[in-house]
């Protein structure tokens, strides 16, 4: 099993775009018992990945609860970097 942050990054190499809620939903089967698989912590991981140039914001919208949902994707260079460091 990969560290959670690695799994989050790797997820972005397999989807067109995703929000924190999408990441949590996708990873909860394998990482559901991890304390860091909370929305606040996942958002922090996504913002860190964006600051490091691995992913970028694609859009934002209000979710069903009226909270801001920010969507990201791994651009070509970011995905290549992620894949070079994190193997399947």
PDB file of N, CA and C in Angstrom:
ATOM      1  N   UNK A   1       0.846  -1.176   0.000  1.00  0.00           N
ATOM      2  CA  UNK A   1       0.000   0.000   0.000  1.00  0.00           C
ATOM      3  C   UNK A   1       0.896   1.247   0.000  1.00  0.00           C
ATOM      4  N   UNK A   2       0.579   2.172  -0.875  1.00  0.00           N
ATOM      5  CA  UNK A   2       1.327   3.435  -0.976  1.00  0.00           C
ATOM      6  C   UNK A   2       0.937   4.357   0.190  1.00  0.00           C
ATOM      7  N   UNK A   3       1.811   5.287   0.553  1.00  0.00           N
ATOM      8  CA  UNK A   3       1.399   6.332   1.494  1.00  0.00           C
ATOM      9  C   UNK A   3       0.208   7.098   0.900  1.00  0.00           C
ATOM     10  N   UNK A   4      -0.655   7.609   1.748  1.00  0.00           N
ATOM     11  CA  UNK A   4      -1.873   8.282   1.294  1.00  0.00           C
ATOM     12  C   UNK A   4      -1.581   9.415   0.322  1.00  0.00           C
ATOM     13  N   UNK A   5      -0.610  10.262   0.624  1.00  0.00           N
ATOM     14  CA  UNK A   5      -0.317  11.378  -0.288  1.00  0.00           C
ATOM     15  C   UNK A   5       0.125  10.890  -1.659  1.00  0.00           C
ATOM     16  N   UNK A   6       0.852   9.786  -1.704  1.00  0.00           N
ATOM     17  CA  UNK A   6       1.228   9.205  -2.993  1.00  0.00           C
ATOM     18  C   UNK A   6      -0.017   8.719  -3.738  1.00  0.00           C
ATOM     19  N   UNK A   7      -0.921   8.081  -3.027  1.00  0.00           N
ATOM     20  CA  UNK A   7      -2.151   7.579  -3.651  1.00  0.00           C
ATOM     21  C   UNK A   7      -2.988   8.732  -4.195  1.00  0.00           C
ATOM     22  N   UNK A   8      -3.025   9.841  -3.461  1.00  0.00           N
ATOM     23  CA  UNK A   8      -3.759  11.018  -3.933  1.00  0.00           C
ATOM     24  C   UNK A   8      -3.151  11.524  -5.235  1.00  0.00           C
ATOM     25  N   UNK A   9      -1.839  11.693  -5.261  1.00  0.00           N
ATOM     26  CA  UNK A   9      -1.180  12.165  -6.476  1.00  0.00           C
ATOM     27  C   UNK A   9      -1.388  11.194  -7.634  1.00  0.00           C
ATOM     28  N   UNK A  10      -1.214   9.918  -7.380  1.00  0.00           N
ATOM     29  CA  UNK A  10      -1.352   8.908  -8.427  1.00  0.00           C
ATOM     30  C   UNK A  10      -2.762   8.899  -9.002  1.00  0.00           C
ATOM     31  N   UNK A  11      -3.752   9.150  -8.142  1.00  0.00           N
ATOM     32  CA  UNK A  11      -5.147   9.214  -8.590  1.00  0.00           C
ATOM     33  C   UNK A  11      -5.322  10.249  -9.702  1.00  0.00           C
ATOM     34  N   UNK A  12      -4.619  11.365  -9.582  1.00  0.00           N
ATOM     35  CA  UNK A  12      -4.759  12.424 -10.581  1.00  0.00           C
ATOM     36  C   UNK A  12      -4.141  12.063 -11.933  1.00  0.00           C
ATOM     37  N   UNK A  13      -3.337  11.029 -11.978  1.00  0.00           N
ATOM     38  CA  UNK A  13      -2.794  10.588 -13.265  1.00  0.00           C
ATOM     39  C   UNK A  13      -3.766   9.651 -13.972  1.00  0.00           C
ATOM     40  N   UNK A  14      -4.867   9.295 -13.299  1.00  0.00           N
ATOM     41  CA  UNK A  14      -5.820   8.329 -13.848  1.00  0.00           C
ATOM     42  C   UNK A  14      -7.196   8.910 -14.125  1.00  0.00           C
ATOM     43  N   UNK A  15      -7.401  10.183 -13.764  1.00  0.00           N
ATOM     44  CA  UNK A  15      -8.696  10.830 -13.995  1.00  0.00           C
ATOM     45  C   UNK A  15      -8.481  12.147 -14.726  1.00  0.00           C
ATOM     46  N   UNK A  16      -9.529  12.606 -15.386  1.00  0.00           N
ATOM     47  CA  UNK A  16      -9.429  13.876 -16.109  1.00  0.00           C
ATOM     48  C   UNK A  16      -9.352  15.053 -15.147  1.00  0.00           C
ATOM     49  N   UNK A  17     -10.192  15.024 -14.104  1.00  0.00           N
ATOM     50  CA  UNK A  17     -10.169  16.040 -13.064  1.00  0.00           C
ATOM     51  C   UNK A  17     -10.896  15.492 -11.843  1.00  0.00           C
ATOM     52  N   UNK A  18     -10.639  16.097 -10.693  1.00  0.00           N
ATOM     53  CA  UNK A  18     -11.280  15.639  -9.463  1.00  0.00           C
ATOM     54  C   UNK A  18     -11.223  16.721  -8.398  1.00  0.00           C
ATOM     55  N   UNK A  19     -12.181  16.640  -7.488  1.00  0.00           N
ATOM     56  CA  UNK A  19     -12.212  17.518  -6.316  1.00  0.00           C
ATOM     57  C   UNK A  19     -11.789  16.703  -5.097  1.00  0.00           C
ATOM     58  N   UNK A  20     -11.675  17.355  -3.960  1.00  0.00           N
ATOM     59  CA  UNK A  20     -11.331  16.650  -2.725  1.00  0.00           C
ATOM     60  C   UNK A  20     -12.356  15.562  -2.422  1.00  0.00           C
ATOM     61  N   UNK A  21     -13.635  15.868  -2.625  1.00  0.00           N
ATOM     62  CA  UNK A  21     -14.672  14.860  -2.379  1.00  0.00           C
ATOM     63  C   UNK A  21     -14.506  13.656  -3.303  1.00  0.00           C
ATOM     64  N   UNK A  22     -14.150  13.892  -4.564  1.00  0.00           N
ATOM     65  CA  UNK A  22     -13.915  12.787  -5.504  1.00  0.00           C
ATOM     66  C   UNK A  22     -12.755  11.923  -5.039  1.00  0.00           C
ATOM     67  N   UNK A  23     -11.697  12.554  -4.562  1.00  0.00           N
ATOM     68  CA  UNK A  23     -10.525  11.821  -4.077  1.00  0.00           C
ATOM     69  C   UNK A  23     -10.901  10.949  -2.888  1.00  0.00           C
ATOM     70  N   UNK A  24     -11.617  11.528  -1.938  1.00  0.00           N
ATOM     71  CA  UNK A  24     -12.029  10.779  -0.747  1.00  0.00           C
ATOM     72  C   UNK A  24     -12.884   9.587  -1.142  1.00  0.00           C
ATOM     73  N   UNK A  25     -13.838   9.808  -2.006  1.00  0.00           N
ATOM     74  CA  UNK A  25     -14.721   8.724  -2.451  1.00  0.00           C
ATOM     75  C   UNK A  25     -13.930   7.620  -3.144  1.00  0.00           C
ATOM     76  N   UNK A  26     -12.982   7.995  -3.984  1.00  0.00           N
ATOM     77  CA  UNK A  26     -12.205   7.013  -4.735  1.00  0.00           C
ATOM     78  C   UNK A  26     -11.260   6.211  -3.842  1.00  0.00           C
ATOM     79  N   UNK A  27     -10.737   6.827  -2.802  1.00  0.00           N
ATOM     80  CA  UNK A  27      -9.721   6.173  -1.975  1.00  0.00           C
ATOM     81  C   UNK A  27     -10.256   5.578  -0.681  1.00  0.00           C
ATOM     82  N   UNK A  28     -11.519   5.812  -0.355  1.00  0.00           N
ATOM     83  CA  UNK A  28     -12.014   5.362   0.945  1.00  0.00           C
ATOM     84  C   UNK A  28     -12.048   3.846   1.095  1.00  0.00           C
ATOM     85  N   UNK A  29     -12.139   3.105   0.012  1.00  0.00           N
ATOM     86  CA  UNK A  29     -12.110   1.654   0.104  1.00  0.00           C
ATOM     87  C   UNK A  29     -10.805   1.141   0.679  1.00  0.00           C
ATOM     88  N   UNK A  30      -9.697   1.699   0.221  1.00  0.00           N
ATOM     89  CA  UNK A  30      -8.382   1.239   0.660  1.00  0.00           C
ATOM     90  C   UNK A  30      -7.830   2.057   1.831  1.00  0.00           C
ATOM     91  N   UNK A  31      -8.185   3.344   1.888  1.00  0.00           N
ATOM     92  CA  UNK A  31      -7.601   4.237   2.878  1.00  0.00           C
ATOM     93  C   UNK A  31      -8.633   4.780   3.875  1.00  0.00           C
ATOM     94  N   UNK A  32      -9.808   4.209   3.911  1.00  0.00           N
ATOM     95  CA  UNK A  32     -10.891   4.713   4.757  1.00  0.00           C
ATOM     96  C   UNK A  32     -10.564   4.794   6.230  1.00  0.00           C
ATOM     97  N   UNK A  33      -9.658   3.973   6.706  1.00  0.00           N
ATOM     98  CA  UNK A  33      -9.299   3.994   8.126  1.00  0.00           C
ATOM     99  C   UNK A  33      -8.237   5.038   8.455  1.00  0.00           C
ATOM    100  N   UNK A  34      -7.683   5.693   7.452  1.00  0.00           N
ATOM    101  CA  UNK A  34      -6.646   6.702   7.676  1.00  0.00           C
ATOM    102  C   UNK A  34      -7.282   7.996   8.197  1.00  0.00           C
ATOM    103  N   UNK A  35      -6.730   8.534   9.268  1.00  0.00           N
ATOM    104  CA  UNK A  35      -7.245   9.788   9.835  1.00  0.00           C
ATOM    105  C   UNK A  35      -7.069  10.955   8.861  1.00  0.00           C
ATOM    106  N   UNK A  36      -6.083  10.891   8.010  1.00  0.00           N
ATOM    107  CA  UNK A  36      -5.803  11.983   7.072  1.00  0.00           C
ATOM    108  C   UNK A  36      -6.715  11.965   5.847  1.00  0.00           C
ATOM    109  N   UNK A  37      -7.596  10.983   5.753  1.00  0.00           N
ATOM    110  CA  UNK A  37      -8.541  10.968   4.619  1.00  0.00           C
ATOM    111  C   UNK A  37      -9.807  11.738   5.020  1.00  0.00           C
ATOM    112  N   UNK A  38      -9.579  12.952   5.473  1.00  0.00           N
ATOM    113  CA  UNK A  38     -10.653  13.888   5.802  1.00  0.00           C
ATOM    114  C   UNK A  38     -10.555  15.035   4.814  1.00  0.00           C
ATOM    115  N   UNK A  39     -11.680  15.674   4.569  1.00  0.00           N
ATOM    116  CA  UNK A  39     -11.721  16.717   3.549  1.00  0.00           C
ATOM    117  C   UNK A  39     -10.666  17.792   3.782  1.00  0.00           C
ATOM    118  N   UNK A  40     -10.533  18.264   5.013  1.00  0.00           N
ATOM    119  CA  UNK A  40      -9.561  19.321   5.318  1.00  0.00           C
ATOM    120  C   UNK A  40      -8.146  18.886   4.947  1.00  0.00           C
ATOM    121  N   UNK A  41      -7.804  17.657   5.290  1.00  0.00           N
ATOM    122  CA  UNK A  41      -6.453  17.160   5.018  1.00  0.00           C
ATOM    123  C   UNK A  41      -6.222  16.899   3.535  1.00  0.00           C
ATOM    124  N   UNK A  42      -7.243  16.414   2.845  1.00  0.00           N
ATOM    125  CA  UNK A  42      -7.118  16.171   1.402  1.00  0.00           C
ATOM    126  C   UNK A  42      -6.979  17.504   0.664  1.00  0.00           C
ATOM    127  N   UNK A  43      -7.751  18.495   1.062  1.00  0.00           N
ATOM    128  CA  UNK A  43      -7.622  19.827   0.449  1.00  0.00           C
ATOM    129  C   UNK A  43      -6.210  20.365   0.655  1.00  0.00           C
ATOM    130  N   UNK A  44      -5.677  20.181   1.842  1.00  0.00           N
ATOM    131  CA  UNK A  44      -4.308  20.621   2.118  1.00  0.00           C
ATOM    132  C   UNK A  44      -3.309  19.901   1.201  1.00  0.00           C
ATOM    133  N   UNK A  45      -3.490  18.595   1.022  1.00  0.00           N
ATOM    134  CA  UNK A  45      -2.603  17.830   0.133  1.00  0.00           C
ATOM    135  C   UNK A  45      -2.720  18.327  -1.309  1.00  0.00           C
ATOM    136  N   UNK A  46      -3.939  18.637  -1.742  1.00  0.00           N
ATOM    137  CA  UNK A  46      -4.142  19.121  -3.115  1.00  0.00           C
ATOM    138  C   UNK A  46      -3.519  20.496  -3.310  1.00  0.00           C
ATOM    139  N   UNK A  47      -3.663  21.359  -2.328  1.00  0.00           N
ATOM    140  CA  UNK A  47      -3.068  22.698  -2.430  1.00  0.00           C
ATOM    141  C   UNK A  47      -1.541  22.616  -2.435  1.00  0.00           C
ATOM    142  N   UNK A  48      -0.986  21.679  -1.678  1.00  0.00           N
ATOM    143  CA  UNK A  48       0.463  21.478  -1.673  1.00  0.00           C
ATOM    144  C   UNK A  48       0.939  20.973  -3.034  1.00  0.00           C
ATOM    145  N   UNK A  49       0.199  20.010  -3.593  1.00  0.00           N
ATOM    146  CA  UNK A  49       0.548  19.485  -4.917  1.00  0.00           C
ATOM    147  C   UNK A  49       0.463  20.583  -5.971  1.00  0.00           C
ATOM    148  N   UNK A  50      -0.534  21.453  -5.849  1.00  0.00           N
ATOM    149  CA  UNK A  50      -0.659  22.562  -6.793  1.00  0.00           C
ATOM    150  C   UNK A  50       0.510  23.538  -6.626  1.00  0.00           C
ATOM    151  N   UNK A  51       0.856  23.854  -5.394  1.00  0.00           N
ATOM    152  CA  UNK A  51       1.977  24.772  -5.139  1.00  0.00           C
ATOM    153  C   UNK A  51       3.293  24.212  -5.668  1.00  0.00           C
ATOM    154  N   UNK A  52       3.398  22.882  -5.694  1.00  0.00           N
ATOM    155  CA  UNK A  52       4.604  22.234  -6.202  1.00  0.00           C
ATOM    156  C   UNK A  52       4.544  21.976  -7.707  1.00  0.00           C
ATOM    157  N   UNK A  53       3.490  22.432  -8.368  1.00  0.00           N
ATOM    158  CA  UNK A  53       3.390  22.341  -9.816  1.00  0.00           C
ATOM    159  C   UNK A  53       3.015  20.979 -10.361  1.00  0.00           C
ATOM    160  N   UNK A  54       2.485  20.088  -9.515  1.00  0.00           N
ATOM    161  CA  UNK A  54       2.121  18.745  -9.983  1.00  0.00           C
ATOM    162  C   UNK A  54       0.703  18.680 -10.527  1.00  0.00           C
ATOM    163  N   UNK A  55      -0.186  19.492  -9.988  1.00  0.00           N
ATOM    164  CA  UNK A  55      -1.564  19.568 -10.474  1.00  0.00           C
ATOM    165  C   UNK A  55      -1.934  21.037 -10.606  1.00  0.00           C
ATOM    166  N   UNK A  56      -3.034  21.299 -11.293  1.00  0.00           N
ATOM    167  CA  UNK A  56      -3.496  22.670 -11.423  1.00  0.00           C
ATOM    168  C   UNK A  56      -5.012  22.715 -11.339  1.00  0.00           C
ATOM    169  N   UNK A  57      -5.513  23.852 -10.906  1.00  0.00           N
ATOM    170  CA  UNK A  57      -6.951  24.055 -10.768  1.00  0.00           C
ATOM    171  C   UNK A  57      -7.585  24.117 -12.154  1.00  0.00           C
ATOM    172  N   UNK A  58      -8.726  23.429 -12.309  1.00  0.00           N
ATOM    173  CA  UNK A  58      -9.423  23.467 -13.590  1.00  0.00           C
ATOM    174  C   UNK A  58     -10.722  24.257 -13.512  1.00  0.00           C
ATOM    175  N   UNK A  59     -11.421  24.141 -12.388  1.00  0.00           N
ATOM    176  CA  UNK A  59     -12.689  24.865 -12.225  1.00  0.00           C
ATOM    177  C   UNK A  59     -13.110  24.792 -10.772  1.00  0.00           C
ATOM    178  N   UNK A  60     -14.164  25.534 -10.467  1.00  0.00           N
ATOM    179  CA  UNK A  60     -14.746  25.468  -9.133  1.00  0.00           C
ATOM    180  C   UNK A  60     -16.246  25.671  -9.244  1.00  0.00           C
ATOM    181  N   UNK A  61     -16.969  25.168  -8.240  1.00  0.00           N
ATOM    182  CA  UNK A  61     -18.421  25.304  -8.198  1.00  0.00           C
ATOM    183  C   UNK A  61     -18.877  25.101  -6.761  1.00  0.00           C
ATOM    184  N   UNK A  62     -20.120  25.442  -6.491  1.00  0.00           N
ATOM    185  CA  UNK A  62     -20.692  25.168  -5.183  1.00  0.00           C
ATOM    186  C   UNK A  62     -21.265  23.756  -5.201  1.00  0.00           C
ATOM    187  N   UNK A  63     -20.975  22.992  -4.161  1.00  0.00           N
ATOM    188  CA  UNK A  63     -21.498  21.627  -4.093  1.00  0.00           C
ATOM    189  C   UNK A  63     -22.919  21.646  -3.545  1.00  0.00           C
ATOM    190  N   UNK A  64     -23.490  20.480  -3.328  1.00  0.00           N
ATOM    191  CA  UNK A  64     -24.889  20.369  -2.892  1.00  0.00           C
ATOM    192  C   UNK A  64     -25.127  20.990  -1.520  1.00  0.00           C
ATOM    193  N   UNK A  65     -24.064  21.127  -0.727  1.00  0.00           N
ATOM    194  CA  UNK A  65     -24.166  21.734   0.602  1.00  0.00           C
ATOM    195  C   UNK A  65     -23.827  23.220   0.595  1.00  0.00           C
ATOM    196  N   UNK A  66     -23.583  23.775  -0.572  1.00  0.00           N
ATOM    197  CA  UNK A  66     -23.238  25.181  -0.695  1.00  0.00           C
ATOM    198  C   UNK A  66     -21.783  25.486  -0.395  1.00  0.00           C
ATOM    199  N   UNK A  67     -20.947  24.454  -0.313  1.00  0.00           N
ATOM    200  CA  UNK A  67     -19.514  24.642  -0.085  1.00  0.00           C
ATOM    201  C   UNK A  67     -18.787  24.701  -1.426  1.00  0.00           C
ATOM    202  N   UNK A  68     -17.698  25.449  -1.439  1.00  0.00           N
ATOM    203  CA  UNK A  68     -16.896  25.570  -2.650  1.00  0.00           C
ATOM    204  C   UNK A  68     -16.169  24.260  -2.938  1.00  0.00           C
ATOM    205  N   UNK A  69     -16.339  23.745  -4.137  1.00  0.00           N
ATOM    206  CA  UNK A  69     -15.624  22.541  -4.578  1.00  0.00           C
ATOM    207  C   UNK A  69     -14.657  22.965  -5.677  1.00  0.00           C
ATOM    208  N   UNK A  70     -13.383  22.766  -5.424  1.00  0.00           N
ATOM    209  CA  UNK A  70     -12.339  23.116  -6.390  1.00  0.00           C
ATOM    210  C   UNK A  70     -11.884  21.840  -7.075  1.00  0.00           C
ATOM    211  N   UNK A  71     -11.827  21.870  -8.394  1.00  0.00           N
ATOM    212  CA  UNK A  71     -11.409  20.712  -9.186  1.00  0.00           C
ATOM    213  C   UNK A  71     -10.004  20.956  -9.725  1.00  0.00           C
ATOM    214  N   UNK A  72      -9.227  19.881  -9.740  1.00  0.00           N
ATOM    215  CA  UNK A  72      -7.844  19.917 -10.205  1.00  0.00           C
ATOM    216  C   UNK A  72      -7.621  18.824 -11.238  1.00  0.00           C
ATOM    217  N   UNK A  73      -6.546  18.974 -11.994  1.00  0.00           N
ATOM    218  CA  UNK A  73      -6.096  17.892 -12.867  1.00  0.00           C
ATOM    219  C   UNK A  73      -4.578  17.926 -12.930  1.00  0.00           C
ATOM    220  N   UNK A  74      -4.016  16.775 -13.259  1.00  0.00           N
ATOM    221  CA  UNK A  74      -2.569  16.690 -13.452  1.00  0.00           C
ATOM    222  C   UNK A  74      -2.284  17.002 -14.917  1.00  0.00           C
ATOM    223  N   UNK A  75      -1.629  18.126 -15.165  1.00  0.00           N
ATOM    224  CA  UNK A  75      -1.250  18.466 -16.542  1.00  0.00           C
ATOM    225  C   UNK A  75      -0.181  17.479 -17.000  1.00  0.00           C
ATOM    226  N   UNK A  76       0.156  17.521 -18.264  1.00  0.00           N
ATOM    227  CA  UNK A  76       1.060  16.528 -18.850  1.00  0.00           C
ATOM    228  C   UNK A  76       2.393  16.426 -18.106  1.00  0.00           C
ATOM    229  N   UNK A  77       3.013  17.556 -17.831  1.00  0.00           N
ATOM    230  CA  UNK A  77       4.307  17.538 -17.139  1.00  0.00           C
ATOM    231  C   UNK A  77       4.159  17.047 -15.693  1.00  0.00           C
ATOM    232  N   UNK A  78       3.098  17.488 -15.026  1.00  0.00           N
ATOM    233  CA  UNK A  78       2.863  17.045 -13.652  1.00  0.00           C
ATOM    234  C   UNK A  78       2.627  15.550 -13.577  1.00  0.00           C
ATOM    235  N   UNK A  79       1.804  15.026 -14.503  1.00  0.00           N
ATOM    236  CA  UNK A  79       1.536  13.582 -14.531  1.00  0.00           C
ATOM    237  C   UNK A  79       2.819  12.803 -14.798  1.00  0.00           C
ATOM    238  N   UNK A  80       3.655  13.308 -15.698  1.00  0.00           N
ATOM    239  CA  UNK A  80       4.921  12.625 -15.991  1.00  0.00           C
ATOM    240  C   UNK A  80       5.823  12.609 -14.761  1.00  0.00           C
ATOM    241  N   UNK A  81       5.869  13.714 -14.033  1.00  0.00           N
ATOM    242  CA  UNK A  81       6.678  13.768 -12.814  1.00  0.00           C
ATOM    243  C   UNK A  81       6.140  12.799 -11.770  1.00  0.00           C
ATOM    244  N   UNK A  82       4.839  12.813 -11.555  1.00  0.00           N
ATOM    245  CA  UNK A  82       4.217  11.895 -10.589  1.00  0.00           C
ATOM    246  C   UNK A  82       4.531  10.457 -10.965  1.00  0.00           C
ATOM    247  N   UNK A  83       4.328  10.118 -12.230  1.00  0.00           N
ATOM    248  CA  UNK A  83       4.558   8.728 -12.678  1.00  0.00           C
ATOM    249  C   UNK A  83       6.020   8.314 -12.607  1.00  0.00           C
ATOM    250  N   UNK A  84       6.934   9.279 -12.740  1.00  0.00           N
ATOM    251  CA  UNK A  84       8.348   8.922 -12.669  1.00  0.00           C
ATOM    252  C   UNK A  84       8.786   8.609 -11.234  1.00  0.00           C
ATOM    253  N   UNK A  85       8.127   9.207 -10.256  1.00  0.00           N
ATOM    254  CA  UNK A  85       8.491   8.987  -8.851  1.00  0.00           C
ATOM    255  C   UNK A  85       7.633   7.947  -8.155  1.00  0.00           C
ATOM    256  N   UNK A  86       6.373   7.811  -8.589  1.00  0.00           N
ATOM    257  CA  UNK A  86       5.441   6.887  -7.930  1.00  0.00           C
ATOM    258  C   UNK A  86       5.021   5.831  -8.948  1.00  0.00           C
ATOM    259  N   UNK A  87       5.519   4.649  -8.777  1.00  0.00           N
ATOM    260  CA  UNK A  87       5.205   3.556  -9.700  1.00  0.00           C
ATOM    261  C   UNK A  87       3.923   2.861  -9.270  1.00  0.00           C
ATOM    262  N   UNK A  88       3.251   2.232 -10.231  1.00  0.00           N
ATOM    263  CA  UNK A  88       2.034   1.460  -9.917  1.00  0.00           C
ATOM    264  C   UNK A  88       2.369   0.212  -9.172  1.00  0.00           C
TER     265      UNK A  88
END
